[in-house]
């Protein structure tokens, strides 16, 4: 916590065996499609973009009980200035737009912040959510740092944090780090 506000949510052992198999099948299918149509262009670590309501539902089920109120989070100035005020907003789900990132030995992700996206008049993204997938061999390194907090990329764990949090991915020393990334969305309550 920073100034009494949550900085992140980290949940381990997410999903049933069936849900995990579904995730792995979707990710494998996207990776195959990308390889088949690859021109060699684009970020080396980006393995694909796809829509998945199943993965979005699984991720939201994992983090939603731990999120609390939107107004409890240290979100960006843009979101702080929304009308109506944040007290009238709530977490509504995870976006089905998913991105797959693969980090091999020597790969890292520089310190940065993510940006919120305005999806509809009263719908925004507010938090980054990442699902760590199993590695084909022992993963050494690849931790995610949110500020000074180190999060190990344990398979089937989920990490969520405010988009405007400074974060980076440490260098992968061996193995492969595979992440499915999406966004937690907020919406204004209709009963105001």
N, C-alpha and C. Protein backbone atom coordinates (compact mmCIF):
# COMPACT_ATOMS: atom_id res chain seq x y z
N UNK A 1 0.83 -1.19 0.00
CA UNK A 1 0.00 0.00 0.00
C UNK A 1 0.87 1.25 0.00
N UNK A 2 0.41 2.26 -0.68
CA UNK A 2 1.05 3.57 -0.67
C UNK A 2 0.00 4.56 -0.21
N UNK A 3 0.29 5.31 0.84
CA UNK A 3 -0.66 6.27 1.40
C UNK A 3 -2.02 5.63 1.64
N UNK A 4 -2.03 4.37 2.13
CA UNK A 4 -3.27 3.68 2.43
C UNK A 4 -4.02 3.17 1.22
N UNK A 5 -3.46 3.31 0.02
CA UNK A 5 -4.12 2.85 -1.20
C UNK A 5 -3.44 1.58 -1.69
N UNK A 6 -4.21 0.62 -2.22
CA UNK A 6 -3.58 -0.60 -2.72
C UNK A 6 -2.69 -0.30 -3.93
N UNK A 7 -1.59 -1.04 -4.02
CA UNK A 7 -0.70 -0.88 -5.17
C UNK A 7 -0.83 -2.05 -6.13
N UNK A 8 -1.17 -3.21 -5.58
CA UNK A 8 -1.32 -4.37 -6.46
C UNK A 8 -2.12 -5.46 -5.76
N UNK A 9 -2.59 -6.40 -6.58
CA UNK A 9 -3.23 -7.62 -6.11
C UNK A 9 -2.49 -8.76 -6.77
N UNK A 10 -2.07 -9.76 -5.98
CA UNK A 10 -1.38 -10.92 -6.51
C UNK A 10 -2.10 -12.17 -6.01
N UNK A 11 -2.62 -12.97 -6.94
CA UNK A 11 -3.39 -14.16 -6.60
C UNK A 11 -2.70 -15.36 -7.20
N UNK A 12 -2.50 -16.41 -6.40
CA UNK A 12 -1.83 -17.63 -6.87
C UNK A 12 -2.85 -18.73 -7.18
N UNK A 13 -2.42 -19.69 -7.98
CA UNK A 13 -3.21 -20.89 -8.30
C UNK A 13 -4.60 -20.56 -8.83
N UNK A 14 -4.62 -19.81 -9.90
CA UNK A 14 -5.88 -19.36 -10.51
C UNK A 14 -6.39 -20.40 -11.50
N UNK A 15 -7.68 -20.60 -11.49
CA UNK A 15 -8.34 -21.44 -12.50
C UNK A 15 -8.38 -22.91 -12.16
N UNK A 16 -9.45 -23.55 -12.63
CA UNK A 16 -9.58 -25.01 -12.50
C UNK A 16 -8.71 -25.67 -13.58
N UNK A 17 -8.57 -26.98 -13.49
CA UNK A 17 -7.80 -27.71 -14.50
C UNK A 17 -8.39 -27.49 -15.89
N UNK A 18 -9.72 -27.51 -16.00
CA UNK A 18 -10.37 -27.30 -17.30
C UNK A 18 -10.12 -25.88 -17.82
N UNK A 19 -10.22 -24.88 -16.93
CA UNK A 19 -9.96 -23.50 -17.35
C UNK A 19 -8.51 -23.34 -17.81
N UNK A 20 -7.60 -23.95 -17.10
CA UNK A 20 -6.19 -23.85 -17.47
C UNK A 20 -5.94 -24.49 -18.83
N UNK A 21 -6.53 -25.64 -19.08
CA UNK A 21 -6.38 -26.28 -20.40
C UNK A 21 -6.95 -25.40 -21.50
N UNK A 22 -8.12 -24.77 -21.24
CA UNK A 22 -8.71 -23.86 -22.23
C UNK A 22 -7.76 -22.70 -22.54
N UNK A 23 -7.15 -22.13 -21.50
CA UNK A 23 -6.22 -21.01 -21.70
C UNK A 23 -5.04 -21.46 -22.55
N UNK A 24 -4.45 -22.59 -22.21
CA UNK A 24 -3.29 -23.08 -22.96
C UNK A 24 -3.64 -23.36 -24.42
N UNK A 25 -4.84 -23.91 -24.67
CA UNK A 25 -5.28 -24.16 -26.05
C UNK A 25 -5.45 -22.85 -26.82
N UNK A 26 -6.07 -21.84 -26.21
CA UNK A 26 -6.25 -20.56 -26.89
C UNK A 26 -4.90 -19.90 -27.20
N UNK A 27 -4.01 -19.92 -26.22
CA UNK A 27 -2.70 -19.30 -26.40
C UNK A 27 -1.91 -20.03 -27.48
N UNK A 28 -1.96 -21.35 -27.50
CA UNK A 28 -1.25 -22.13 -28.52
C UNK A 28 -1.82 -21.83 -29.90
N UNK A 29 -3.14 -21.72 -30.02
CA UNK A 29 -3.76 -21.43 -31.31
C UNK A 29 -3.34 -20.05 -31.82
N UNK A 30 -3.30 -19.07 -30.94
CA UNK A 30 -2.89 -17.72 -31.33
C UNK A 30 -1.43 -17.71 -31.75
N UNK A 31 -0.58 -18.41 -31.00
CA UNK A 31 0.85 -18.48 -31.34
C UNK A 31 1.05 -19.13 -32.70
N UNK A 32 0.29 -20.17 -33.00
CA UNK A 32 0.41 -20.83 -34.31
C UNK A 32 -0.03 -19.91 -35.44
N UNK A 33 -1.14 -19.18 -35.23
CA UNK A 33 -1.61 -18.24 -36.24
C UNK A 33 -0.57 -17.16 -36.49
N UNK A 34 0.04 -16.67 -35.43
CA UNK A 34 1.06 -15.62 -35.58
C UNK A 34 2.27 -16.16 -36.35
N UNK A 35 2.70 -17.38 -36.05
CA UNK A 35 3.84 -17.97 -36.75
C UNK A 35 3.53 -18.15 -38.23
N UNK A 36 2.32 -18.60 -38.52
CA UNK A 36 1.94 -18.84 -39.92
C UNK A 36 1.91 -17.55 -40.73
N UNK A 37 1.51 -16.44 -40.09
CA UNK A 37 1.40 -15.18 -40.82
C UNK A 37 2.52 -14.21 -40.50
N UNK A 38 3.57 -14.67 -39.83
CA UNK A 38 4.62 -13.78 -39.38
C UNK A 38 5.45 -13.23 -40.53
N UNK A 39 5.71 -11.93 -40.44
CA UNK A 39 6.58 -11.29 -41.41
C UNK A 39 7.91 -10.92 -40.77
N UNK A 40 8.03 -11.24 -39.48
CA UNK A 40 9.24 -10.86 -38.76
C UNK A 40 9.17 -9.46 -38.20
N UNK A 41 8.07 -8.73 -38.50
CA UNK A 41 7.93 -7.37 -38.00
C UNK A 41 7.24 -7.38 -36.64
N UNK A 42 7.36 -6.31 -35.92
CA UNK A 42 6.68 -6.18 -34.63
C UNK A 42 7.60 -6.54 -33.48
N UNK A 43 7.14 -6.25 -32.26
CA UNK A 43 7.96 -6.52 -31.10
C UNK A 43 8.29 -8.00 -30.97
N UNK A 44 9.52 -8.30 -30.67
CA UNK A 44 9.97 -9.68 -30.54
C UNK A 44 9.20 -10.42 -29.47
N UNK A 45 8.89 -9.74 -28.37
CA UNK A 45 8.24 -10.41 -27.26
C UNK A 45 6.73 -10.55 -27.44
N UNK A 46 6.09 -9.80 -28.35
CA UNK A 46 4.65 -9.90 -28.57
C UNK A 46 4.36 -11.13 -29.41
N UNK A 47 3.55 -12.02 -28.85
CA UNK A 47 3.24 -13.27 -29.55
C UNK A 47 1.86 -13.29 -30.15
N UNK A 48 1.01 -12.33 -29.81
CA UNK A 48 -0.31 -12.32 -30.41
C UNK A 48 -1.31 -11.50 -29.63
N UNK A 49 -2.39 -11.16 -30.32
CA UNK A 49 -3.51 -10.42 -29.75
C UNK A 49 -4.76 -11.20 -30.10
N UNK A 50 -5.65 -11.38 -29.14
CA UNK A 50 -6.86 -12.14 -29.40
C UNK A 50 -7.95 -11.73 -28.42
N UNK A 51 -9.18 -12.11 -28.71
CA UNK A 51 -10.33 -11.86 -27.85
C UNK A 51 -10.69 -13.15 -27.13
N UNK A 52 -10.89 -13.08 -25.81
CA UNK A 52 -11.30 -14.27 -25.06
C UNK A 52 -12.15 -13.88 -23.86
N UNK A 53 -13.45 -14.12 -23.98
CA UNK A 53 -14.36 -13.89 -22.86
C UNK A 53 -14.06 -14.87 -21.73
N UNK A 54 -13.65 -16.11 -22.09
CA UNK A 54 -13.36 -17.11 -21.05
C UNK A 54 -12.19 -16.69 -20.17
N UNK A 55 -11.12 -16.23 -20.80
CA UNK A 55 -9.95 -15.80 -20.03
C UNK A 55 -10.30 -14.55 -19.22
N UNK A 56 -11.01 -13.62 -19.83
CA UNK A 56 -11.42 -12.40 -19.11
C UNK A 56 -12.23 -12.74 -17.87
N UNK A 57 -13.17 -13.67 -18.00
CA UNK A 57 -14.01 -14.08 -16.86
C UNK A 57 -13.17 -14.74 -15.77
N UNK A 58 -12.24 -15.61 -16.16
CA UNK A 58 -11.39 -16.29 -15.19
C UNK A 58 -10.53 -15.28 -14.43
N UNK A 59 -9.95 -14.31 -15.15
CA UNK A 59 -9.11 -13.31 -14.51
C UNK A 59 -9.91 -12.43 -13.55
N UNK A 60 -11.10 -12.01 -13.98
CA UNK A 60 -11.91 -11.15 -13.10
C UNK A 60 -12.36 -11.91 -11.86
N UNK A 61 -12.72 -13.17 -12.02
CA UNK A 61 -13.12 -13.98 -10.86
C UNK A 61 -11.98 -14.08 -9.84
N UNK A 62 -10.75 -14.10 -10.33
CA UNK A 62 -9.59 -14.21 -9.44
C UNK A 62 -9.31 -12.92 -8.68
N UNK A 63 -9.42 -11.77 -9.35
CA UNK A 63 -9.01 -10.51 -8.72
C UNK A 63 -10.15 -9.73 -8.08
N UNK A 64 -11.36 -9.86 -8.59
CA UNK A 64 -12.47 -9.00 -8.16
C UNK A 64 -12.70 -9.01 -6.64
N UNK A 65 -12.66 -10.17 -5.96
CA UNK A 65 -12.90 -10.14 -4.51
C UNK A 65 -11.85 -9.35 -3.73
N UNK A 66 -10.71 -9.06 -4.32
CA UNK A 66 -9.63 -8.37 -3.62
C UNK A 66 -9.47 -6.91 -4.04
N UNK A 67 -10.28 -6.44 -4.98
CA UNK A 67 -10.09 -5.09 -5.53
C UNK A 67 -10.61 -3.97 -4.64
N UNK A 68 -11.70 -4.19 -3.95
CA UNK A 68 -12.29 -3.11 -3.17
C UNK A 68 -12.95 -2.09 -4.08
N UNK A 69 -12.94 -0.84 -3.64
CA UNK A 69 -13.58 0.24 -4.40
C UNK A 69 -12.59 0.90 -5.35
N UNK A 70 -13.08 1.35 -6.48
CA UNK A 70 -12.23 2.07 -7.45
C UNK A 70 -11.57 3.26 -6.78
N UNK A 71 -12.32 3.97 -5.95
CA UNK A 71 -11.79 5.17 -5.30
C UNK A 71 -10.68 4.85 -4.30
N UNK A 72 -10.49 3.58 -3.94
CA UNK A 72 -9.40 3.18 -3.04
C UNK A 72 -8.05 3.13 -3.75
N UNK A 73 -8.07 3.03 -5.07
CA UNK A 73 -6.84 2.84 -5.83
C UNK A 73 -6.21 4.19 -6.21
N UNK A 74 -4.89 4.21 -6.26
CA UNK A 74 -4.16 5.41 -6.69
C UNK A 74 -4.10 5.41 -8.21
N UNK A 75 -5.21 5.74 -8.84
CA UNK A 75 -5.29 5.73 -10.30
C UNK A 75 -4.82 7.07 -10.85
N UNK A 76 -4.72 7.15 -12.17
CA UNK A 76 -4.18 8.33 -12.86
C UNK A 76 -5.03 9.58 -12.62
N UNK A 77 -4.43 10.72 -12.89
CA UNK A 77 -5.15 12.00 -12.79
C UNK A 77 -6.35 12.03 -13.73
N UNK A 78 -6.20 11.40 -14.89
CA UNK A 78 -7.31 11.35 -15.85
C UNK A 78 -8.52 10.68 -15.22
N UNK A 79 -8.29 9.52 -14.58
CA UNK A 79 -9.41 8.82 -13.95
C UNK A 79 -9.90 9.54 -12.70
N UNK A 80 -8.98 10.19 -11.97
CA UNK A 80 -9.38 10.94 -10.77
C UNK A 80 -10.32 12.10 -11.14
N UNK A 81 -10.20 12.60 -12.36
CA UNK A 81 -10.99 13.78 -12.76
C UNK A 81 -12.29 13.41 -13.49
N UNK A 82 -12.64 12.14 -13.54
CA UNK A 82 -13.86 11.74 -14.24
C UNK A 82 -15.11 12.29 -13.56
N UNK A 83 -16.12 12.50 -14.36
CA UNK A 83 -17.45 12.85 -13.84
C UNK A 83 -18.37 11.71 -14.24
N UNK A 84 -19.10 11.17 -13.31
CA UNK A 84 -19.14 11.48 -11.89
C UNK A 84 -17.84 11.07 -11.18
N UNK A 85 -17.66 11.50 -9.91
CA UNK A 85 -16.43 11.17 -9.17
C UNK A 85 -16.24 9.66 -9.02
N UNK A 86 -15.02 9.25 -8.73
CA UNK A 86 -14.68 7.82 -8.65
C UNK A 86 -15.53 7.04 -7.65
N UNK A 87 -16.07 7.70 -6.63
CA UNK A 87 -16.92 7.00 -5.67
C UNK A 87 -18.14 6.37 -6.34
N UNK A 88 -18.48 6.87 -7.54
CA UNK A 88 -19.65 6.36 -8.27
C UNK A 88 -19.27 5.35 -9.35
N UNK A 89 -18.01 4.91 -9.36
CA UNK A 89 -17.55 3.94 -10.35
C UNK A 89 -17.28 2.62 -9.66
N UNK A 90 -17.34 1.53 -10.43
CA UNK A 90 -17.04 0.22 -9.86
C UNK A 90 -16.33 -0.64 -10.91
N UNK A 91 -15.63 -1.67 -10.42
CA UNK A 91 -14.96 -2.62 -11.32
C UNK A 91 -16.02 -3.52 -11.93
N UNK A 92 -15.98 -3.66 -13.26
CA UNK A 92 -17.04 -4.41 -13.95
C UNK A 92 -16.56 -5.66 -14.68
N UNK A 93 -15.26 -5.82 -14.82
CA UNK A 93 -14.77 -7.00 -15.53
C UNK A 93 -13.38 -6.77 -16.09
N UNK A 94 -12.89 -7.79 -16.75
CA UNK A 94 -11.62 -7.71 -17.46
C UNK A 94 -11.93 -7.66 -18.95
N UNK A 95 -11.25 -6.81 -19.67
CA UNK A 95 -11.45 -6.70 -21.11
C UNK A 95 -11.12 -8.04 -21.77
N UNK A 96 -11.93 -8.48 -22.72
CA UNK A 96 -11.62 -9.72 -23.44
C UNK A 96 -10.45 -9.57 -24.43
N UNK A 97 -9.99 -8.33 -24.64
CA UNK A 97 -8.83 -8.12 -25.51
C UNK A 97 -7.57 -8.54 -24.75
N UNK A 98 -6.96 -9.62 -25.19
CA UNK A 98 -5.79 -10.19 -24.52
C UNK A 98 -4.57 -10.09 -25.43
N UNK A 99 -3.43 -9.86 -24.81
CA UNK A 99 -2.15 -9.87 -25.53
C UNK A 99 -1.26 -10.92 -24.89
N UNK A 100 -0.53 -11.65 -25.71
CA UNK A 100 0.41 -12.65 -25.22
C UNK A 100 1.82 -12.10 -25.40
N UNK A 101 2.60 -12.18 -24.34
CA UNK A 101 4.00 -11.77 -24.39
C UNK A 101 4.86 -12.96 -23.98
N UNK A 102 5.91 -13.19 -24.76
CA UNK A 102 6.88 -14.25 -24.44
C UNK A 102 8.25 -13.62 -24.30
N UNK A 103 8.89 -13.94 -23.20
CA UNK A 103 10.22 -13.42 -22.91
C UNK A 103 11.19 -14.60 -22.82
N UNK A 104 12.20 -14.59 -23.67
CA UNK A 104 13.22 -15.64 -23.68
C UNK A 104 14.44 -15.16 -22.90
N UNK A 105 15.42 -16.01 -22.79
CA UNK A 105 16.66 -15.68 -22.09
C UNK A 105 17.21 -14.34 -22.62
N UNK A 106 17.53 -13.44 -21.70
CA UNK A 106 18.08 -12.13 -22.06
C UNK A 106 17.03 -11.05 -22.27
N UNK A 107 15.75 -11.43 -22.39
CA UNK A 107 14.69 -10.44 -22.58
C UNK A 107 14.30 -9.81 -21.24
N UNK A 108 13.93 -8.54 -21.29
CA UNK A 108 13.43 -7.79 -20.13
C UNK A 108 12.45 -6.76 -20.67
N UNK A 109 11.76 -6.08 -19.79
CA UNK A 109 10.84 -5.02 -20.19
C UNK A 109 11.19 -3.79 -19.36
N UNK A 110 11.54 -2.70 -20.02
CA UNK A 110 11.99 -1.48 -19.35
C UNK A 110 10.89 -0.86 -18.47
N UNK A 111 11.30 -0.08 -17.52
CA UNK A 111 10.38 0.61 -16.61
C UNK A 111 9.46 1.53 -17.42
N UNK A 112 8.18 1.43 -17.13
CA UNK A 112 7.18 2.22 -17.85
C UNK A 112 5.88 2.25 -17.05
N UNK A 113 4.93 3.00 -17.55
CA UNK A 113 3.56 2.99 -17.04
C UNK A 113 2.64 2.66 -18.19
N UNK A 114 1.53 2.03 -17.88
CA UNK A 114 0.52 1.76 -18.90
C UNK A 114 -0.47 2.92 -18.90
N UNK A 115 -1.27 2.99 -19.94
CA UNK A 115 -2.25 4.07 -20.04
C UNK A 115 -3.66 3.51 -20.02
N UNK A 116 -4.54 4.26 -19.36
CA UNK A 116 -5.95 3.88 -19.37
C UNK A 116 -6.51 4.11 -20.76
N UNK A 117 -7.56 3.37 -21.08
CA UNK A 117 -8.22 3.55 -22.37
C UNK A 117 -9.69 3.85 -22.13
N UNK A 118 -10.21 4.79 -22.90
CA UNK A 118 -11.62 5.17 -22.86
C UNK A 118 -12.33 4.29 -23.87
N UNK A 119 -13.13 3.33 -23.39
CA UNK A 119 -13.76 2.35 -24.27
C UNK A 119 -15.14 2.78 -24.75
N UNK A 120 -15.90 3.37 -23.85
CA UNK A 120 -17.26 3.85 -24.12
C UNK A 120 -17.48 5.07 -23.24
N UNK A 121 -18.59 5.79 -23.42
CA UNK A 121 -18.78 7.00 -22.62
C UNK A 121 -18.57 6.81 -21.11
N UNK A 122 -19.03 5.72 -20.54
CA UNK A 122 -18.87 5.51 -19.09
C UNK A 122 -18.12 4.21 -18.80
N UNK A 123 -17.15 3.87 -19.67
CA UNK A 123 -16.37 2.65 -19.48
C UNK A 123 -14.90 2.94 -19.80
N UNK A 124 -14.03 2.67 -18.83
CA UNK A 124 -12.59 2.91 -18.95
C UNK A 124 -11.83 1.69 -18.46
N UNK A 125 -10.58 1.57 -18.89
CA UNK A 125 -9.68 0.62 -18.25
C UNK A 125 -8.95 1.36 -17.15
N UNK A 126 -8.63 0.66 -16.04
CA UNK A 126 -7.99 1.31 -14.90
C UNK A 126 -6.79 0.54 -14.37
N UNK A 127 -6.84 -0.80 -14.48
CA UNK A 127 -5.78 -1.63 -13.93
C UNK A 127 -5.23 -2.55 -15.01
N UNK A 128 -3.94 -2.83 -14.94
CA UNK A 128 -3.32 -3.85 -15.77
C UNK A 128 -3.49 -5.18 -15.05
N UNK A 129 -3.80 -6.23 -15.80
CA UNK A 129 -3.89 -7.57 -15.21
C UNK A 129 -3.06 -8.52 -16.07
N UNK A 130 -2.24 -9.34 -15.40
CA UNK A 130 -1.36 -10.28 -16.10
C UNK A 130 -1.51 -11.68 -15.50
N UNK A 131 -1.63 -12.66 -16.38
CA UNK A 131 -1.66 -14.07 -16.00
C UNK A 131 -0.35 -14.69 -16.44
N UNK A 132 0.39 -15.26 -15.49
CA UNK A 132 1.65 -15.93 -15.79
C UNK A 132 1.37 -17.39 -16.13
N UNK A 133 1.89 -17.83 -17.28
CA UNK A 133 1.68 -19.21 -17.72
C UNK A 133 2.91 -20.06 -17.42
N UNK A 134 2.73 -21.39 -17.40
CA UNK A 134 3.88 -22.27 -17.13
C UNK A 134 4.95 -22.14 -18.21
N UNK A 135 6.20 -22.32 -17.81
CA UNK A 135 7.33 -22.30 -18.74
C UNK A 135 7.62 -23.72 -19.20
N UNK A 136 8.18 -23.84 -20.41
CA UNK A 136 8.54 -25.15 -20.92
C UNK A 136 9.77 -25.72 -20.21
N UNK A 137 10.50 -24.88 -19.51
CA UNK A 137 11.63 -25.31 -18.68
C UNK A 137 11.72 -24.37 -17.49
N UNK A 138 12.53 -24.70 -16.51
CA UNK A 138 12.58 -23.89 -15.29
C UNK A 138 12.87 -22.43 -15.62
N UNK A 139 12.01 -21.56 -15.11
CA UNK A 139 12.16 -20.13 -15.33
C UNK A 139 13.01 -19.54 -14.21
N UNK A 140 14.07 -18.85 -14.59
CA UNK A 140 14.90 -18.14 -13.65
C UNK A 140 14.89 -16.67 -14.07
N UNK A 141 14.57 -15.78 -13.12
CA UNK A 141 14.44 -14.36 -13.43
C UNK A 141 13.05 -14.05 -13.93
N UNK A 142 12.91 -12.91 -14.60
CA UNK A 142 11.63 -12.52 -15.18
C UNK A 142 10.62 -11.97 -14.19
N UNK A 143 11.06 -11.63 -12.99
CA UNK A 143 10.13 -11.07 -12.01
C UNK A 143 9.56 -9.76 -12.52
N UNK A 144 8.35 -9.44 -12.08
CA UNK A 144 7.75 -8.14 -12.36
C UNK A 144 7.93 -7.28 -11.12
N UNK A 145 8.39 -6.06 -11.32
CA UNK A 145 8.51 -5.12 -10.22
C UNK A 145 7.48 -4.02 -10.42
N UNK A 146 6.62 -3.84 -9.42
CA UNK A 146 5.66 -2.74 -9.41
C UNK A 146 6.15 -1.81 -8.32
N UNK A 147 6.75 -0.69 -8.74
CA UNK A 147 7.47 0.15 -7.78
C UNK A 147 8.60 -0.67 -7.20
N UNK A 148 8.65 -0.79 -5.89
CA UNK A 148 9.68 -1.57 -5.22
C UNK A 148 9.23 -2.98 -4.88
N UNK A 149 8.02 -3.34 -5.25
CA UNK A 149 7.48 -4.67 -4.91
C UNK A 149 7.85 -5.67 -6.01
N UNK A 150 8.51 -6.76 -5.61
CA UNK A 150 8.93 -7.81 -6.53
C UNK A 150 7.88 -8.92 -6.54
N UNK A 151 7.40 -9.29 -7.73
CA UNK A 151 6.41 -10.34 -7.88
C UNK A 151 7.00 -11.44 -8.75
N UNK A 152 7.07 -12.64 -8.20
CA UNK A 152 7.58 -13.78 -8.93
C UNK A 152 6.55 -14.25 -9.97
N UNK A 153 7.00 -14.58 -11.18
CA UNK A 153 6.05 -15.01 -12.23
C UNK A 153 5.66 -16.48 -12.08
N UNK A 154 5.09 -16.82 -10.93
CA UNK A 154 4.69 -18.21 -10.67
C UNK A 154 3.59 -18.62 -11.63
N UNK A 155 3.68 -19.83 -12.20
CA UNK A 155 2.64 -20.28 -13.13
C UNK A 155 1.25 -20.24 -12.49
N UNK A 156 0.30 -19.75 -13.24
CA UNK A 156 -1.11 -19.65 -12.87
C UNK A 156 -1.34 -18.66 -11.74
N UNK A 157 -0.46 -17.67 -11.63
CA UNK A 157 -0.73 -16.57 -10.72
C UNK A 157 -1.13 -15.36 -11.55
N UNK A 158 -1.89 -14.47 -10.91
CA UNK A 158 -2.41 -13.28 -11.57
C UNK A 158 -1.95 -12.06 -10.78
N UNK A 159 -1.52 -11.04 -11.51
CA UNK A 159 -1.08 -9.78 -10.92
C UNK A 159 -1.93 -8.67 -11.51
N UNK A 160 -2.47 -7.80 -10.65
CA UNK A 160 -3.21 -6.62 -11.11
C UNK A 160 -2.67 -5.39 -10.39
N UNK A 161 -2.53 -4.29 -11.13
CA UNK A 161 -2.05 -3.04 -10.54
C UNK A 161 -2.55 -1.87 -11.37
N UNK A 162 -2.56 -0.68 -10.75
CA UNK A 162 -3.04 0.52 -11.45
C UNK A 162 -2.18 0.80 -12.67
N UNK A 163 -2.82 1.18 -13.77
CA UNK A 163 -2.08 1.47 -15.01
C UNK A 163 -0.95 2.47 -14.80
N UNK A 164 -1.16 3.45 -13.94
CA UNK A 164 -0.16 4.50 -13.79
C UNK A 164 0.97 4.12 -12.82
N UNK A 165 1.02 2.88 -12.36
CA UNK A 165 2.12 2.42 -11.51
C UNK A 165 3.36 2.17 -12.36
N UNK A 166 4.50 2.68 -11.90
CA UNK A 166 5.76 2.39 -12.58
C UNK A 166 6.07 0.91 -12.37
N UNK A 167 6.39 0.21 -13.46
CA UNK A 167 6.69 -1.22 -13.35
C UNK A 167 7.64 -1.64 -14.46
N UNK A 168 8.29 -2.78 -14.24
CA UNK A 168 9.18 -3.34 -15.26
C UNK A 168 9.31 -4.84 -15.07
N UNK A 169 9.76 -5.50 -16.12
CA UNK A 169 10.02 -6.94 -16.07
C UNK A 169 11.52 -7.17 -16.03
N UNK A 170 11.98 -7.89 -15.01
CA UNK A 170 13.41 -8.19 -14.89
C UNK A 170 13.84 -9.16 -16.00
N UNK A 171 15.12 -9.18 -16.26
CA UNK A 171 15.68 -10.05 -17.31
C UNK A 171 15.41 -11.52 -17.00
N UNK A 172 15.03 -12.25 -18.05
CA UNK A 172 14.89 -13.70 -17.94
C UNK A 172 16.27 -14.31 -18.09
N UNK A 173 16.70 -15.06 -17.08
CA UNK A 173 18.02 -15.67 -17.10
C UNK A 173 18.01 -17.03 -17.80
N UNK A 174 16.93 -17.78 -17.63
CA UNK A 174 16.74 -19.05 -18.36
C UNK A 174 15.25 -19.39 -18.34
N UNK A 175 14.85 -20.23 -19.29
CA UNK A 175 13.44 -20.57 -19.42
C UNK A 175 12.72 -19.54 -20.27
N UNK A 176 11.41 -19.65 -20.30
CA UNK A 176 10.56 -18.73 -21.05
C UNK A 176 9.47 -18.21 -20.14
N UNK A 177 9.32 -16.90 -20.10
CA UNK A 177 8.23 -16.28 -19.35
C UNK A 177 7.13 -15.94 -20.34
N UNK A 178 5.94 -16.50 -20.12
CA UNK A 178 4.80 -16.22 -20.99
C UNK A 178 3.71 -15.58 -20.15
N UNK A 179 3.20 -14.47 -20.65
CA UNK A 179 2.20 -13.67 -19.92
C UNK A 179 1.02 -13.40 -20.84
N UNK A 180 -0.20 -13.55 -20.31
CA UNK A 180 -1.40 -13.06 -20.97
C UNK A 180 -1.76 -11.77 -20.24
N UNK A 181 -1.83 -10.66 -20.98
CA UNK A 181 -2.08 -9.35 -20.38
C UNK A 181 -3.40 -8.78 -20.87
N UNK A 182 -4.14 -8.17 -19.96
CA UNK A 182 -5.37 -7.48 -20.32
C UNK A 182 -5.56 -6.32 -19.35
N UNK A 183 -6.79 -5.83 -19.24
CA UNK A 183 -7.09 -4.66 -18.42
C UNK A 183 -8.36 -4.88 -17.61
N UNK A 184 -8.35 -4.41 -16.36
CA UNK A 184 -9.56 -4.40 -15.54
C UNK A 184 -10.31 -3.11 -15.88
N UNK A 185 -11.60 -3.25 -16.13
CA UNK A 185 -12.42 -2.11 -16.56
C UNK A 185 -13.25 -1.56 -15.41
N UNK A 186 -13.54 -0.26 -15.49
CA UNK A 186 -14.44 0.39 -14.54
C UNK A 186 -15.58 1.05 -15.30
N UNK A 187 -16.73 1.15 -14.64
CA UNK A 187 -17.90 1.81 -15.24
C UNK A 187 -18.60 2.63 -14.16
N UNK A 188 -19.26 3.69 -14.59
CA UNK A 188 -20.05 4.51 -13.66
C UNK A 188 -21.31 3.76 -13.29
N UNK A 189 -21.66 3.83 -12.04
CA UNK A 189 -22.93 3.21 -11.57
C UNK A 189 -24.11 3.99 -12.16
N UNK A 190 -25.12 3.27 -12.52
CA UNK A 190 -26.28 3.90 -13.15
C UNK A 190 -27.18 4.57 -12.11
N UNK A 191 -27.19 4.06 -10.87
CA UNK A 191 -28.07 4.59 -9.83
C UNK A 191 -27.36 5.71 -9.06
N UNK A 192 -27.42 6.92 -9.57
CA UNK A 192 -26.76 8.06 -8.89
C UNK A 192 -27.79 9.07 -8.48
